[in-house]
Amino acid sequence: MSRQHLPNRRPAATVRTTWQTEGGTHTIHLTAGYDLDGNLREVFYADGQKTGAGLRDVVQDACVLISLLLQHGVPRDQIAKSMSSQTLYGSTVPTTIIGTIAGALGKLDALNPDPE
């Protein structure tokens, strides 16, 4: 499968999401980029963690990897379904921040500012 290259200027939308852990709640903002047909093709870390924080680096790297999967045609729901989850306080939640980002893809797809 070849990678779909995106135009320099494209629609984008930003969403806030949270990762719930036993140690607390981590809030991050993600920005999605769409191709000219309105398909979600990339996700970027927008804000939420302090500069120099290890979690910020993990979020940025996860966004790059998820974007590459999207650009190679992997469906967003398949990415999210492949991530691990756990039961925390009676709810099923992603085990990692990477799973949280993958789960937020549905919210980002729904925010498409320029749908087909």
PDB file of N, CA and C in Angstrom:
ATOM      1  N   MET A   1       0.840  -1.160   0.000  1.00  0.00           N
ATOM      2  CA  MET A   1       0.000   0.000   0.000  1.00  0.00           C
ATOM      3  C   MET A   1       0.898   1.241   0.000  1.00  0.00           C
ATOM      4  N   SER A   2       0.665   2.164  -0.889  1.00  0.00           N
ATOM      5  CA  SER A   2       1.510   3.350  -0.942  1.00  0.00           C
ATOM      6  C   SER A   2       0.906   4.476  -0.101  1.00  0.00           C
ATOM      7  N   ARG A   3       1.749   5.368   0.296  1.00  0.00           N
ATOM      8  CA  ARG A   3       1.349   6.480   1.152  1.00  0.00           C
ATOM      9  C   ARG A   3       0.682   7.574   0.336  1.00  0.00           C
ATOM     10  N   GLN A   4      -0.426   8.099   0.856  1.00  0.00           N
ATOM     11  CA  GLN A   4      -1.116   9.204   0.213  1.00  0.00           C
ATOM     12  C   GLN A   4      -0.479  10.505   0.689  1.00  0.00           C
ATOM     13  N   HIS A   5       0.109  11.256  -0.228  1.00  0.00           N
ATOM     14  CA  HIS A   5       0.699  12.541   0.123  1.00  0.00           C
ATOM     15  C   HIS A   5      -0.390  13.606   0.130  1.00  0.00           C
ATOM     16  N   LEU A   6      -0.312  14.513   1.071  1.00  0.00           N
ATOM     17  CA  LEU A   6      -1.351  15.515   1.269  1.00  0.00           C
ATOM     18  C   LEU A   6      -0.932  16.864   0.707  1.00  0.00           C
ATOM     19  N   PRO A   7      -1.897  17.671   0.284  1.00  0.00           N
ATOM     20  CA  PRO A   7      -1.566  19.012  -0.199  1.00  0.00           C
ATOM     21  C   PRO A   7      -1.058  19.875   0.950  1.00  0.00           C
ATOM     22  N   ASN A   8      -0.299  20.918   0.638  1.00  0.00           N
ATOM     23  CA  ASN A   8       0.247  21.796   1.675  1.00  0.00           C
ATOM     24  C   ASN A   8      -0.850  22.500   2.470  1.00  0.00           C
ATOM     25  N   ARG A   9      -1.919  22.896   1.820  1.00  0.00           N
ATOM     26  CA  ARG A   9      -3.035  23.555   2.498  1.00  0.00           C
ATOM     27  C   ARG A   9      -4.225  22.610   2.484  1.00  0.00           C
ATOM     28  N   ARG A  10      -4.790  22.333   3.690  1.00  0.00           N
ATOM     29  CA  ARG A  10      -5.896  21.389   3.799  1.00  0.00           C
ATOM     30  C   ARG A  10      -6.745  21.722   5.023  1.00  0.00           C
ATOM     31  N   PRO A  11      -7.992  21.268   5.040  1.00  0.00           N
ATOM     32  CA  PRO A  11      -8.859  21.524   6.197  1.00  0.00           C
ATOM     33  C   PRO A  11      -8.303  20.870   7.457  1.00  0.00           C
ATOM     34  N   ALA A  12      -8.603  21.485   8.608  1.00  0.00           N
ATOM     35  CA  ALA A  12      -8.155  20.947   9.895  1.00  0.00           C
ATOM     36  C   ALA A  12      -9.185  21.263  10.970  1.00  0.00           C
ATOM     37  N   ALA A  13      -9.170  20.476  12.039  1.00  0.00           N
ATOM     38  CA  ALA A  13     -10.046  20.698  13.191  1.00  0.00           C
ATOM     39  C   ALA A  13      -9.306  20.230  14.436  1.00  0.00           C
ATOM     40  N   THR A  14      -9.629  20.827  15.588  1.00  0.00           N
ATOM     41  CA  THR A  14      -8.964  20.494  16.851  1.00  0.00           C
ATOM     42  C   THR A  14      -9.991  19.995  17.868  1.00  0.00           C
ATOM     43  N   VAL A  15      -9.595  19.006  18.670  1.00  0.00           N
ATOM     44  CA  VAL A  15     -10.457  18.437  19.694  1.00  0.00           C
ATOM     45  C   VAL A  15      -9.642  18.209  20.970  1.00  0.00           C
ATOM     46  N   ARG A  16     -10.313  18.307  22.101  1.00  0.00           N
ATOM     47  CA  ARG A  16      -9.693  18.012  23.398  1.00  0.00           C
ATOM     48  C   ARG A  16     -10.106  16.605  23.799  1.00  0.00           C
ATOM     49  N   THR A  17      -9.152  15.829  24.311  1.00  0.00           N
ATOM     50  CA  THR A  17      -9.460  14.490  24.790  1.00  0.00           C
ATOM     51  C   THR A  17      -8.692  14.237  26.086  1.00  0.00           C
ATOM     52  N   THR A  18      -9.123  13.256  26.853  1.00  0.00           N
ATOM     53  CA  THR A  18      -8.467  12.963  28.125  1.00  0.00           C
ATOM     54  C   THR A  18      -8.106  11.488  28.210  1.00  0.00           C
ATOM     55  N   TRP A  19      -7.015  11.222  28.893  1.00  0.00           N
ATOM     56  CA  TRP A  19      -6.574   9.864  29.185  1.00  0.00           C
ATOM     57  C   TRP A  19      -6.697   9.677  30.692  1.00  0.00           C
ATOM     58  N   GLN A  20      -7.533   8.735  31.095  1.00  0.00           N
ATOM     59  CA  GLN A  20      -7.793   8.476  32.506  1.00  0.00           C
ATOM     60  C   GLN A  20      -6.873   7.362  32.992  1.00  0.00           C
ATOM     61  N   THR A  21      -6.114   7.635  34.053  1.00  0.00           N
ATOM     62  CA  THR A  21      -5.261   6.627  34.672  1.00  0.00           C
ATOM     63  C   THR A  21      -5.542   6.590  36.159  1.00  0.00           C
ATOM     64  N   GLU A  22      -4.988   5.611  36.852  1.00  0.00           N
ATOM     65  CA  GLU A  22      -5.139   5.567  38.301  1.00  0.00           C
ATOM     66  C   GLU A  22      -4.505   6.783  38.958  1.00  0.00           C
ATOM     67  N   GLY A  23      -3.494   7.346  38.297  1.00  0.00           N
ATOM     68  CA  GLY A  23      -2.796   8.505  38.840  1.00  0.00           C
ATOM     69  C   GLY A  23      -3.461   9.839  38.549  1.00  0.00           C
ATOM     70  N   GLY A  24      -4.482   9.841  37.706  1.00  0.00           N
ATOM     71  CA  GLY A  24      -5.164  11.091  37.400  1.00  0.00           C
ATOM     72  C   GLY A  24      -5.619  11.152  35.958  1.00  0.00           C
ATOM     73  N   THR A  25      -5.994  12.354  35.561  1.00  0.00           N
ATOM     74  CA  THR A  25      -6.486  12.588  34.213  1.00  0.00           C
ATOM     75  C   THR A  25      -5.505  13.472  33.464  1.00  0.00           C
ATOM     76  N   HIS A  26      -5.156  13.072  32.256  1.00  0.00           N
ATOM     77  CA  HIS A  26      -4.238  13.829  31.408  1.00  0.00           C
ATOM     78  C   HIS A  26      -5.031  14.362  30.221  1.00  0.00           C
ATOM     79  N   THR A  27      -5.031  15.667  30.046  1.00  0.00           N
ATOM     80  CA  THR A  27      -5.769  16.294  28.965  1.00  0.00           C
ATOM     81  C   THR A  27      -4.816  16.686  27.848  1.00  0.00           C
ATOM     82  N   ILE A  28      -5.197  16.380  26.610  1.00  0.00           N
ATOM     83  CA  ILE A  28      -4.410  16.791  25.451  1.00  0.00           C
ATOM     84  C   ILE A  28      -5.355  17.324  24.383  1.00  0.00           C
ATOM     85  N   HIS A  29      -4.818  18.166  23.539  1.00  0.00           N
ATOM     86  CA  HIS A  29      -5.555  18.702  22.394  1.00  0.00           C
ATOM     87  C   HIS A  29      -4.896  18.142  21.135  1.00  0.00           C
ATOM     88  N   LEU A  30      -5.743  17.646  20.227  1.00  0.00           N
ATOM     89  CA  LEU A  30      -5.266  17.060  18.983  1.00  0.00           C
ATOM     90  C   LEU A  30      -5.859  17.816  17.807  1.00  0.00           C
ATOM     91  N   THR A  31      -5.073  17.997  16.766  1.00  0.00           N
ATOM     92  CA  THR A  31      -5.561  18.620  15.538  1.00  0.00           C
ATOM     93  C   THR A  31      -5.500  17.600  14.429  1.00  0.00           C
ATOM     94  N   ALA A  32      -6.593  17.498  13.677  1.00  0.00           N
ATOM     95  CA  ALA A  32      -6.673  16.568  12.559  1.00  0.00           C
ATOM     96  C   ALA A  32      -6.537  17.311  11.248  1.00  0.00           C
ATOM     97  N   GLY A  33      -5.897  16.671  10.289  1.00  0.00           N
ATOM     98  CA  GLY A  33      -5.821  17.191   8.933  1.00  0.00           C
ATOM     99  C   GLY A  33      -6.569  16.252   8.001  1.00  0.00           C
ATOM    100  N   TYR A  34      -7.258  16.821   7.030  1.00  0.00           N
ATOM    101  CA  TYR A  34      -8.093  16.058   6.110  1.00  0.00           C
ATOM    102  C   TYR A  34      -7.585  16.230   4.686  1.00  0.00           C
ATOM    103  N   ASP A  35      -7.769  15.198   3.860  1.00  0.00           N
ATOM    104  CA  ASP A  35      -7.420  15.349   2.452  1.00  0.00           C
ATOM    105  C   ASP A  35      -8.520  16.156   1.763  1.00  0.00           C
ATOM    106  N   LEU A  36      -8.361  16.420   0.499  1.00  0.00           N
ATOM    107  CA  LEU A  36      -9.323  17.262  -0.214  1.00  0.00           C
ATOM    108  C   LEU A  36     -10.660  16.574  -0.434  1.00  0.00           C
ATOM    109  N   ASP A  37     -10.732  15.250  -0.195  1.00  0.00           N
ATOM    110  CA  ASP A  37     -11.997  14.526  -0.274  1.00  0.00           C
ATOM    111  C   ASP A  37     -12.699  14.479   1.082  1.00  0.00           C
ATOM    112  N   GLY A  38     -12.093  15.079   2.108  1.00  0.00           N
ATOM    113  CA  GLY A  38     -12.698  15.107   3.441  1.00  0.00           C
ATOM    114  C   GLY A  38     -12.362  13.933   4.330  1.00  0.00           C
ATOM    115  N   ASN A  39     -11.393  13.115   3.950  1.00  0.00           N
ATOM    116  CA  ASN A  39     -10.995  11.954   4.749  1.00  0.00           C
ATOM    117  C   ASN A  39      -9.913  12.333   5.756  1.00  0.00           C
ATOM    118  N   LEU A  40     -10.055  11.845   6.979  1.00  0.00           N
ATOM    119  CA  LEU A  40      -9.059  12.062   8.027  1.00  0.00           C
ATOM    120  C   LEU A  40      -7.759  11.390   7.610  1.00  0.00           C
ATOM    121  N   ARG A  41      -6.661  12.151   7.553  1.00  0.00           N
ATOM    122  CA  ARG A  41      -5.391  11.597   7.075  1.00  0.00           C
ATOM    123  C   ARG A  41      -4.209  11.865   7.986  1.00  0.00           C
ATOM    124  N   GLU A  42      -4.391  12.723   9.020  1.00  0.00           N
ATOM    125  CA  GLU A  42      -3.267  12.982   9.928  1.00  0.00           C
ATOM    126  C   GLU A  42      -3.796  13.530  11.235  1.00  0.00           C
ATOM    127  N   VAL A  43      -3.000  13.351  12.273  1.00  0.00           N
ATOM    128  CA  VAL A  43      -3.329  13.876  13.590  1.00  0.00           C
ATOM    129  C   VAL A  43      -2.052  14.445  14.197  1.00  0.00           C
ATOM    130  N   PHE A  44      -2.187  15.619  14.812  1.00  0.00           N
ATOM    131  CA  PHE A  44      -1.055  16.309  15.431  1.00  0.00           C
ATOM    132  C   PHE A  44      -1.355  16.596  16.892  1.00  0.00           C
ATOM    133  N   TYR A  45      -0.321  16.572  17.701  1.00  0.00           N
ATOM    134  CA  TYR A  45      -0.430  17.049  19.072  1.00  0.00           C
ATOM    135  C   TYR A  45      -0.529  18.564  19.011  1.00  0.00           C
ATOM    136  N   ALA A  46      -1.532  19.144  19.658  1.00  0.00           N
ATOM    137  CA  ALA A  46      -1.721  20.589  19.627  1.00  0.00           C
ATOM    138  C   ALA A  46      -1.345  21.266  20.948  1.00  0.00           C
ATOM    139  N   ASP A  47      -1.659  20.638  22.086  1.00  0.00           N
ATOM    140  CA  ASP A  47      -1.378  21.288  23.369  1.00  0.00           C
ATOM    141  C   ASP A  47      -1.776  20.349  24.505  1.00  0.00           C
ATOM    142  N   GLY A  48      -1.323  20.659  25.710  1.00  0.00           N
ATOM    143  CA  GLY A  48      -1.787  19.937  26.881  1.00  0.00           C
ATOM    144  C   GLY A  48      -0.704  19.504  27.842  1.00  0.00           C
ATOM    145  N   GLN A  49       0.497  19.246  27.370  1.00  0.00           N
ATOM    146  CA  GLN A  49       1.571  18.801  28.247  1.00  0.00           C
ATOM    147  C   GLN A  49       2.696  19.830  28.263  1.00  0.00           C
ATOM    148  N   LYS A  50       3.389  19.898  29.375  1.00  0.00           N
ATOM    149  CA  LYS A  50       4.492  20.854  29.508  1.00  0.00           C
ATOM    150  C   LYS A  50       5.641  20.502  28.570  1.00  0.00           C
ATOM    151  N   THR A  51       6.315  21.535  28.069  1.00  0.00           N
ATOM    152  CA  THR A  51       7.504  21.321  27.247  1.00  0.00           C
ATOM    153  C   THR A  51       8.528  20.557  28.075  1.00  0.00           C
ATOM    154  N   GLY A  52       9.114  19.524  27.471  1.00  0.00           N
ATOM    155  CA  GLY A  52      10.105  18.721  28.176  1.00  0.00           C
ATOM    156  C   GLY A  52       9.513  17.531  28.902  1.00  0.00           C
ATOM    157  N   ALA A  53       8.188  17.469  28.998  1.00  0.00           N
ATOM    158  CA  ALA A  53       7.551  16.335  29.662  1.00  0.00           C
ATOM    159  C   ALA A  53       7.649  15.110  28.767  1.00  0.00           C
ATOM    160  N   GLY A  54       7.998  13.971  29.345  1.00  0.00           N
ATOM    161  CA  GLY A  54       8.122  12.743  28.571  1.00  0.00           C
ATOM    162  C   GLY A  54       6.833  12.361  27.867  1.00  0.00           C
ATOM    163  N   LEU A  55       5.696  12.623  28.513  1.00  0.00           N
ATOM    164  CA  LEU A  55       4.416  12.279  27.913  1.00  0.00           C
ATOM    165  C   LEU A  55       4.173  13.078  26.632  1.00  0.00           C
ATOM    166  N   ARG A  56       4.639  14.307  26.593  1.00  0.00           N
ATOM    167  CA  ARG A  56       4.487  15.130  25.386  1.00  0.00           C
ATOM    168  C   ARG A  56       5.213  14.481  24.202  1.00  0.00           C
ATOM    169  N   ASP A  57       6.407  13.973  24.438  1.00  0.00           N
ATOM    170  CA  ASP A  57       7.171  13.323  23.373  1.00  0.00           C
ATOM    171  C   ASP A  57       6.469  12.060  22.886  1.00  0.00           C
ATOM    172  N   VAL A  58       5.903  11.293  23.812  1.00  0.00           N
ATOM    173  CA  VAL A  58       5.179  10.082  23.441  1.00  0.00           C
ATOM    174  C   VAL A  58       3.954  10.431  22.603  1.00  0.00           C
ATOM    175  N   VAL A  59       3.223  11.478  22.992  1.00  0.00           N
ATOM    176  CA  VAL A  59       2.038  11.907  22.239  1.00  0.00           C
ATOM    177  C   VAL A  59       2.432  12.337  20.830  1.00  0.00           C
ATOM    178  N   GLN A  60       3.489  13.122  20.720  1.00  0.00           N
ATOM    179  CA  GLN A  60       3.933  13.567  19.396  1.00  0.00           C
ATOM    180  C   GLN A  60       4.319  12.381  18.511  1.00  0.00           C
ATOM    181  N   ASP A  61       5.064  11.437  19.061  1.00  0.00           N
ATOM    182  CA  ASP A  61       5.468  10.259  18.284  1.00  0.00           C
ATOM    183  C   ASP A  61       4.265   9.402  17.911  1.00  0.00           C
ATOM    184  N   ALA A  62       3.315   9.242  18.831  1.00  0.00           N
ATOM    185  CA  ALA A  62       2.111   8.466  18.535  1.00  0.00           C
ATOM    186  C   ALA A  62       1.327   9.103  17.397  1.00  0.00           C
ATOM    187  N   CYS A  63       1.245  10.421  17.396  1.00  0.00           N
ATOM    188  CA  CYS A  63       0.532  11.125  16.324  1.00  0.00           C
ATOM    189  C   CYS A  63       1.197  10.886  14.972  1.00  0.00           C
ATOM    190  N   VAL A  64       2.512  10.888  14.945  1.00  0.00           N
ATOM    191  CA  VAL A  64       3.227  10.626  13.695  1.00  0.00           C
ATOM    192  C   VAL A  64       2.915   9.212  13.191  1.00  0.00           C
ATOM    193  N   LEU A  65       2.993   8.235  14.074  1.00  0.00           N
ATOM    194  CA  LEU A  65       2.744   6.852  13.665  1.00  0.00           C
ATOM    195  C   LEU A  65       1.297   6.646  13.215  1.00  0.00           C
ATOM    196  N   ILE A  66       0.346   7.212  13.946  1.00  0.00           N
ATOM    197  CA  ILE A  66      -1.058   7.087  13.570  1.00  0.00           C
ATOM    198  C   ILE A  66      -1.306   7.779  12.234  1.00  0.00           C
ATOM    199  N   SER A  67      -0.692   8.940  12.015  1.00  0.00           N
ATOM    200  CA  SER A  67      -0.835   9.647  10.737  1.00  0.00           C
ATOM    201  C   SER A  67      -0.313   8.796   9.582  1.00  0.00           C
ATOM    202  N   LEU A  68       0.825   8.139   9.780  1.00  0.00           N
ATOM    203  CA  LEU A  68       1.367   7.270   8.728  1.00  0.00           C
ATOM    204  C   LEU A  68       0.416   6.114   8.426  1.00  0.00           C
ATOM    205  N   LEU A  69      -0.189   5.540   9.460  1.00  0.00           N
ATOM    206  CA  LEU A  69      -1.171   4.472   9.237  1.00  0.00           C
ATOM    207  C   LEU A  69      -2.352   4.985   8.420  1.00  0.00           C
ATOM    208  N   LEU A  70      -2.866   6.166   8.782  1.00  0.00           N
ATOM    209  CA  LEU A  70      -3.997   6.749   8.049  1.00  0.00           C
ATOM    210  C   LEU A  70      -3.631   7.018   6.598  1.00  0.00           C
ATOM    211  N   GLN A  71      -2.426   7.527   6.373  1.00  0.00           N
ATOM    212  CA  GLN A  71      -1.988   7.857   5.014  1.00  0.00           C
ATOM    213  C   GLN A  71      -1.707   6.617   4.168  1.00  0.00           C
ATOM    214  N   HIS A  72      -1.541   5.485   4.838  1.00  0.00           N
ATOM    215  CA  HIS A  72      -1.361   4.216   4.124  1.00  0.00           C
ATOM    216  C   HIS A  72      -2.682   3.462   3.999  1.00  0.00           C
ATOM    217  N   GLY A  73      -3.783   4.107   4.370  1.00  0.00           N
ATOM    218  CA  GLY A  73      -5.098   3.526   4.146  1.00  0.00           C
ATOM    219  C   GLY A  73      -5.663   2.659   5.247  1.00  0.00           C
ATOM    220  N   VAL A  74      -5.030   2.611   6.429  1.00  0.00           N
ATOM    221  CA  VAL A  74      -5.581   1.828   7.532  1.00  0.00           C
ATOM    222  C   VAL A  74      -6.784   2.585   8.100  1.00  0.00           C
ATOM    223  N   PRO A  75      -7.962   1.948   8.172  1.00  0.00           N
ATOM    224  CA  PRO A  75      -9.150   2.635   8.697  1.00  0.00           C
ATOM    225  C   PRO A  75      -8.981   3.040  10.161  1.00  0.00           C
ATOM    226  N   ARG A  76      -9.484   4.224  10.506  1.00  0.00           N
ATOM    227  CA  ARG A  76      -9.324   4.748  11.863  1.00  0.00           C
ATOM    228  C   ARG A  76      -9.924   3.830  12.912  1.00  0.00           C
ATOM    229  N   ASP A  77     -11.077   3.194  12.611  1.00  0.00           N
ATOM    230  CA  ASP A  77     -11.686   2.315  13.604  1.00  0.00           C
ATOM    231  C   ASP A  77     -10.848   1.057  13.836  1.00  0.00           C
ATOM    232  N   GLN A  78     -10.121   0.608  12.818  1.00  0.00           N
ATOM    233  CA  GLN A  78      -9.235  -0.545  12.973  1.00  0.00           C
ATOM    234  C   GLN A  78      -8.043  -0.184  13.865  1.00  0.00           C
ATOM    235  N   ILE A  79      -7.539   1.037  13.729  1.00  0.00           N
ATOM    236  CA  ILE A  79      -6.430   1.486  14.582  1.00  0.00           C
ATOM    237  C   ILE A  79      -6.884   1.491  16.037  1.00  0.00           C
ATOM    238  N   ALA A  80      -8.022   2.108  16.300  1.00  0.00           N
ATOM    239  CA  ALA A  80      -8.526   2.215  17.679  1.00  0.00           C
ATOM    240  C   ALA A  80      -8.834   0.847  18.276  1.00  0.00           C
ATOM    241  N   LYS A  81      -9.440  -0.035  17.482  1.00  0.00           N
ATOM    242  CA  LYS A  81      -9.818  -1.362  17.971  1.00  0.00           C
ATOM    243  C   LYS A  81      -8.598  -2.220  18.300  1.00  0.00           C
ATOM    244  N   SER A  82      -7.461  -1.928  17.675  1.00  0.00           N
ATOM    245  CA  SER A  82      -6.240  -2.712  17.878  1.00  0.00           C
ATOM    246  C   SER A  82      -5.494  -2.352  19.156  1.00  0.00           C
ATOM    247  N   MET A  83      -5.849  -1.241  19.794  1.00  0.00           N
ATOM    248  CA  MET A  83      -5.161  -0.791  20.994  1.00  0.00           C
ATOM    249  C   MET A  83      -5.680  -1.531  22.235  1.00  0.00           C
ATOM    250  N   SER A  84      -4.846  -1.632  23.248  1.00  0.00           N
ATOM    251  CA  SER A  84      -5.246  -2.321  24.479  1.00  0.00           C
ATOM    252  C   SER A  84      -6.143  -1.434  25.332  1.00  0.00           C
ATOM    253  N   SER A  85      -6.951  -2.092  26.181  1.00  0.00           N
ATOM    254  CA  SER A  85      -7.836  -1.355  27.080  1.00  0.00           C
ATOM    255  C   SER A  85      -7.850  -2.056  28.437  1.00  0.00           C
ATOM    256  N   GLN A  86      -8.410  -1.362  29.420  1.00  0.00           N
ATOM    257  CA  GLN A  86      -8.500  -1.911  30.766  1.00  0.00           C
ATOM    258  C   GLN A  86      -9.777  -1.394  31.420  1.00  0.00           C
ATOM    259  N   THR A  87     -10.189  -2.053  32.485  1.00  0.00           N
ATOM    260  CA  THR A  87     -11.324  -1.562  33.259  1.00  0.00           C
ATOM    261  C   THR A  87     -10.784  -0.719  34.397  1.00  0.00           C
ATOM    262  N   LEU A  88     -11.256   0.520  34.454  1.00  0.00           N
ATOM    263  CA  LEU A  88     -10.808   1.460  35.476  1.00  0.00           C
ATOM    264  C   LEU A  88     -12.042   2.151  36.036  1.00  0.00           C
ATOM    265  N   TYR A  89     -12.267   1.969  37.327  1.00  0.00           N
ATOM    266  CA  TYR A  89     -13.423   2.578  37.990  1.00  0.00           C
ATOM    267  C   TYR A  89     -14.735   2.198  37.302  1.00  0.00           C
ATOM    268  N   GLY A  90     -14.819   0.934  36.833  1.00  0.00           N
ATOM    269  CA  GLY A  90     -16.046   0.428  36.244  1.00  0.00           C
ATOM    270  C   GLY A  90     -16.254   0.738  34.774  1.00  0.00           C
ATOM    271  N   SER A  91     -15.311   1.422  34.137  1.00  0.00           N
ATOM    272  CA  SER A  91     -15.426   1.746  32.716  1.00  0.00           C
ATOM    273  C   SER A  91     -14.244   1.171  31.954  1.00  0.00           C
ATOM    274  N   THR A  92     -14.477   0.811  30.712  1.00  0.00           N
ATOM    275  CA  THR A  92     -13.391   0.346  29.857  1.00  0.00           C
ATOM    276  C   THR A  92     -12.731   1.561  29.226  1.00  0.00           C
ATOM    277  N   VAL A  93     -11.429   1.705  29.452  1.00  0.00           N
ATOM    278  CA  VAL A  93     -10.676   2.859  28.963  1.00  0.00           C
ATOM    279  C   VAL A  93      -9.389   2.372  28.287  1.00  0.00           C
ATOM    280  N   PRO A  94      -8.821   3.184  27.391  1.00  0.00           N
ATOM    281  CA  PRO A  94      -7.538   2.802  26.791  1.00  0.00           C
ATOM    282  C   PRO A  94      -6.462   2.661  27.863  1.00  0.00           C
ATOM    283  N   THR A  95      -5.587   1.692  27.687  1.00  0.00           N
ATOM    284  CA  THR A  95      -4.502   1.472  28.639  1.00  0.00           C
ATOM    285  C   THR A  95      -3.426   2.543  28.506  1.00  0.00           C
ATOM    286  N   THR A  96      -3.207   3.034  27.294  1.00  0.00           N
ATOM    287  CA  THR A  96      -2.137   4.005  27.062  1.00  0.00           C
ATOM    288  C   THR A  96      -2.674   5.280  26.423  1.00  0.00           C
ATOM    289  N   ILE A  97      -1.850   6.291  26.431  1.00  0.00           N
ATOM    290  CA  ILE A  97      -2.189   7.543  25.758  1.00  0.00           C
ATOM    291  C   ILE A  97      -2.316   7.320  24.253  1.00  0.00           C
ATOM    292  N   ILE A  98      -1.601   6.339  23.728  1.00  0.00           N
ATOM    293  CA  ILE A  98      -1.682   6.028  22.298  1.00  0.00           C
ATOM    294  C   ILE A  98      -3.087   5.522  21.956  1.00  0.00           C
ATOM    295  N   GLY A  99      -3.638   4.664  22.796  1.00  0.00           N
ATOM    296  CA  GLY A  99      -5.006   4.195  22.602  1.00  0.00           C
ATOM    297  C   GLY A  99      -6.021   5.323  22.724  1.00  0.00           C
ATOM    298  N   THR A 100      -5.739   6.277  23.607  1.00  0.00           N
ATOM    299  CA  THR A 100      -6.622   7.433  23.760  1.00  0.00           C
ATOM    300  C   THR A 100      -6.628   8.267  22.485  1.00  0.00           C
ATOM    301  N   ILE A 101      -5.456   8.481  21.910  1.00  0.00           N
ATOM    302  CA  ILE A 101      -5.362   9.243  20.656  1.00  0.00           C
ATOM    303  C   ILE A 101      -6.104   8.500  19.547  1.00  0.00           C
ATOM    304  N   ALA A 102      -5.889   7.185  19.439  1.00  0.00           N
ATOM    305  CA  ALA A 102      -6.572   6.396  18.413  1.00  0.00           C
ATOM    306  C   ALA A 102      -8.084   6.452  18.608  1.00  0.00           C
ATOM    307  N   GLY A 103      -8.535   6.419  19.852  1.00  0.00           N
ATOM    308  CA  GLY A 103      -9.965   6.516  20.133  1.00  0.00           C
ATOM    309  C   GLY A 103     -10.546   7.875  19.790  1.00  0.00           C
ATOM    310  N   ALA A 104      -9.731   8.909  19.893  1.00  0.00           N
ATOM    311  CA  ALA A 104     -10.189  10.270  19.579  1.00  0.00           C
ATOM    312  C   ALA A 104     -10.340  10.496  18.082  1.00  0.00           C
ATOM    313  N   LEU A 105      -9.846   9.582  17.263  1.00  0.00           N
ATOM    314  CA  LEU A 105      -9.951   9.746  15.809  1.00  0.00           C
ATOM    315  C   LEU A 105     -11.410   9.847  15.368  1.00  0.00           C
ATOM    316  N   GLY A 106     -12.299   9.130  16.039  1.00  0.00           N
ATOM    317  CA  GLY A 106     -13.722   9.213  15.701  1.00  0.00           C
ATOM    318  C   GLY A 106     -14.272  10.601  15.933  1.00  0.00           C
ATOM    319  N   LYS A 107     -13.887  11.223  17.059  1.00  0.00           N
ATOM    320  CA  LYS A 107     -14.308  12.611  17.329  1.00  0.00           C
ATOM    321  C   LYS A 107     -13.737  13.553  16.289  1.00  0.00           C
ATOM    322  N   LEU A 108     -12.477  13.326  15.919  1.00  0.00           N
ATOM    323  CA  LEU A 108     -11.821  14.197  14.933  1.00  0.00           C
ATOM    324  C   LEU A 108     -12.468  14.038  13.565  1.00  0.00           C
ATOM    325  N   ASP A 109     -12.813  12.804  13.216  1.00  0.00           N
ATOM    326  CA  ASP A 109     -13.444  12.575  11.918  1.00  0.00           C
ATOM    327  C   ASP A 109     -14.807  13.272  11.860  1.00  0.00           C
ATOM    328  N   ALA A 110     -15.530  13.254  12.964  1.00  0.00           N
ATOM    329  CA  ALA A 110     -16.847  13.896  13.019  1.00  0.00           C
ATOM    330  C   ALA A 110     -16.747  15.419  12.934  1.00  0.00           C
ATOM    331  N   LEU A 111     -15.590  15.989  13.284  1.00  0.00           N
ATOM    332  CA  LEU A 111     -15.404  17.442  13.259  1.00  0.00           C
ATOM    333  C   LEU A 111     -14.974  17.954  11.900  1.00  0.00           C
ATOM    334  N   ASN A 112     -14.833  17.096  10.919  1.00  0.00           N
ATOM    335  CA  ASN A 112     -14.332  17.505   9.601  1.00  0.00           C
ATOM    336  C   ASN A 112     -14.995  18.795   9.153  1.00  0.00           C
ATOM    337  N   PRO A 113     -14.222  19.863   8.990  1.00  0.00           N
ATOM    338  CA  PRO A 113     -14.798  21.156   8.626  1.00  0.00           C
ATOM    339  C   PRO A 113     -15.229  21.234   7.163  1.00  0.00           C
ATOM    340  N   ASP A 114     -14.872  20.247   6.371  1.00  0.00           N
ATOM    341  CA  ASP A 114     -15.172  20.297   4.934  1.00  0.00           C
ATOM    342  C   ASP A 114     -15.580  18.913   4.444  1.00  0.00           C
ATOM    343  N   PRO A 115     -16.709  18.342   4.979  1.00  0.00           N
ATOM    344  CA  PRO A 115     -17.080  16.983   4.603  1.00  0.00           C
ATOM    345  C   PRO A 115     -17.484  16.890   3.144  1.00  0.00           C
ATOM    346  N   GLU A 116     -17.411  15.646   2.628  1.00  0.00           N
ATOM    347  CA  GLU A 116     -17.776  15.392   1.231  1.00  0.00           C
ATOM    348  C   GLU A 116     -19.224  15.741   0.988  1.00  0.00           C
TER     349      GLU A 116
END
